[in-house]
C-alpha atoms as a PDB file:
ATOM      1  CA  MET A   1       0.000   0.000   0.000  1.00  0.00           C
ATOM      2  CA  LYS A   2       1.342   3.412  -0.944  1.00  0.00           C
ATOM      3  CA  ARG A   3       1.653   5.969   1.868  1.00  0.00           C
ATOM      4  CA  LEU A   4       0.531   9.471   0.979  1.00  0.00           C
ATOM      5  CA  LEU A   5       2.954  12.272   1.592  1.00  0.00           C
ATOM      6  CA  ARG A   6       1.652  15.118   3.733  1.00  0.00           C
ATOM      7  CA  LYS A   7       1.498  17.344   0.655  1.00  0.00           C
ATOM      8  CA  GLU A   8      -0.686  14.771  -1.154  1.00  0.00           C
ATOM      9  CA  ALA A   9      -2.888  13.941   1.839  1.00  0.00           C
ATOM     10  CA  ASP A  10      -3.655  17.477   3.045  1.00  0.00           C
ATOM     11  CA  PRO A  11      -5.772  19.585   0.640  1.00  0.00           C
ATOM     12  CA  LEU A  12      -5.226  22.752   2.732  1.00  0.00           C
ATOM     13  CA  PRO A  13      -2.653  25.273   1.500  1.00  0.00           C
ATOM     14  CA  SER A  14       0.672  25.306   3.326  1.00  0.00           C
ATOM     15  CA  SER A  15       0.187  29.012   4.093  1.00  0.00           C
ATOM     16  CA  GLY A  16      -2.787  31.288   4.687  1.00  0.00           C
ATOM     17  CA  ARG A  17      -1.214  33.972   2.515  1.00  0.00           C
ATOM     18  CA  GLY A  18      -3.346  34.691  -0.515  1.00  0.00           C
ATOM     19  CA  TYR A  19      -6.499  33.420   1.181  1.00  0.00           C
ATOM     20  CA  MET A  20      -9.269  35.145   3.106  1.00  0.00           C
ATOM     21  CA  HIS A  21     -11.154  33.314   5.847  1.00  0.00           C
ATOM     22  CA  VAL A  22     -14.903  33.442   5.193  1.00  0.00           C
ATOM     23  CA  CYS A  23     -17.866  31.801   6.882  1.00  0.00           C
ATOM     24  CA  PRO A  24     -18.717  28.477   5.211  1.00  0.00           C
ATOM     25  CA  HIS A  25     -22.425  29.210   5.811  1.00  0.00           C
ATOM     26  CA  CYS A  26     -22.923  32.865   4.835  1.00  0.00           C
ATOM     27  CA  ALA A  27     -19.593  33.702   3.066  1.00  0.00           C
ATOM     28  CA  GLN A  28     -19.033  36.818   5.213  1.00  0.00           C
ATOM     29  CA  PRO A  29     -15.438  37.611   6.275  1.00  0.00           C
ATOM     30  CA  LEU A  30     -14.458  36.164   9.663  1.00  0.00           C
ATOM     31  CA  THR A  31     -12.740  38.001  12.519  1.00  0.00           C
ATOM     32  CA  LEU A  32      -9.675  36.585  14.259  1.00  0.00           C
ATOM     33  CA  HIS A  33      -9.765  36.181  18.055  1.00  0.00           C
ATOM     34  CA  ASP A  34      -7.310  34.947  20.682  1.00  0.00           C
ATOM     35  CA  LEU A  35      -8.476  31.996  22.786  1.00  0.00           C
ATOM     36  CA  ARG A  36      -7.758  31.352  26.455  1.00  0.00           C
ATOM     37  CA  ASP A  37      -5.605  28.330  25.628  1.00  0.00           C
ATOM     38  CA  GLY A  38      -3.232  30.450  23.512  1.00  0.00           C
ATOM     39  CA  ASP A  39      -4.634  29.379  20.128  1.00  0.00           C
ATOM     40  CA  GLN A  40      -6.531  31.652  17.738  1.00  0.00           C
ATOM     41  CA  ALA A  41      -9.938  31.208  16.124  1.00  0.00           C
ATOM     42  CA  TYR A  42     -11.934  32.760  13.306  1.00  0.00           C
ATOM     43  CA  TRP A  43     -15.501  33.743  14.208  1.00  0.00           C
ATOM     44  CA  CYS A  44     -18.608  34.696  12.215  1.00  0.00           C
ATOM     45  CA  HIS A  45     -20.704  37.073  14.316  1.00  0.00           C
ATOM     46  CA  PRO A  46     -23.928  36.866  12.221  1.00  0.00           C
ATOM     47  CA  CYS A  47     -23.945  33.023  12.285  1.00  0.00           C
ATOM     48  CA  ASN A  48     -22.413  32.743  15.769  1.00  0.00           C
ATOM     49  CA  LEU A  49     -20.100  29.996  14.448  1.00  0.00           C
ATOM     50  CA  GLY A  50     -16.356  29.654  14.139  1.00  0.00           C
ATOM     51  CA  HIS A  51     -13.322  27.413  13.828  1.00  0.00           C
ATOM     52  CA  ARG A  52      -9.788  27.271  15.164  1.00  0.00           C
ATOM     53  CA  ALA A  53      -7.240  28.991  12.958  1.00  0.00           C
ATOM     54  CA  SER A  54      -5.169  25.815  12.940  1.00  0.00           C
ATOM     55  CA  ASP A  55      -8.054  23.676  11.642  1.00  0.00           C
ATOM     56  CA  PRO A  56     -10.093  25.549   9.006  1.00  0.00           C
ATOM     57  CA  PRO A  57     -12.672  23.749   6.861  1.00  0.00           C
ATOM     58  CA  LEU A  58     -11.875  23.927   3.127  1.00  0.00           C
ATOM     59  CA  SER A  59     -15.006  25.970   2.459  1.00  0.00           C
ATOM     60  CA  ALA A  60     -13.721  28.683   4.836  1.00  0.00           C
ATOM     61  CA  LEU A  61     -10.777  29.602   2.606  1.00  0.00           C
ATOM     62  CA  LYS A  62     -11.484  31.991  -0.263  1.00  0.00           C
ATOM     63  CA  ARG A  63      -8.649  32.822  -2.653  1.00  0.00           C
ATOM     64  CA  LEU A  64      -7.890  36.525  -2.848  1.00  0.00           C
ATOM     65  CA  PRO A  65      -7.978  38.083  -6.311  1.00  0.00           C
ATOM     66  CA  GLN A  66      -4.511  38.538  -7.750  1.00  0.00           C
ATOM     67  CA  THR A  67      -3.330  42.128  -7.796  1.00  0.00           C
ATOM     68  CA  GLY A  68      -0.749  43.333 -10.168  1.00  0.00           C
END
């Protein structure tokens, strides 16, 4: 059985640069907050939902338009 390399197994980008975090439910931009345990989380105030910055769902990442 072939083992997948991390790059092949993980569909998330290696960096958040070039992406905007949006709510997977309403597509509004999310705000970044510090948590008590030292981690950070993105939060959607209208939906009252969020996710840890270290574990975003794929639908929460929206590619920024290229400028140039």
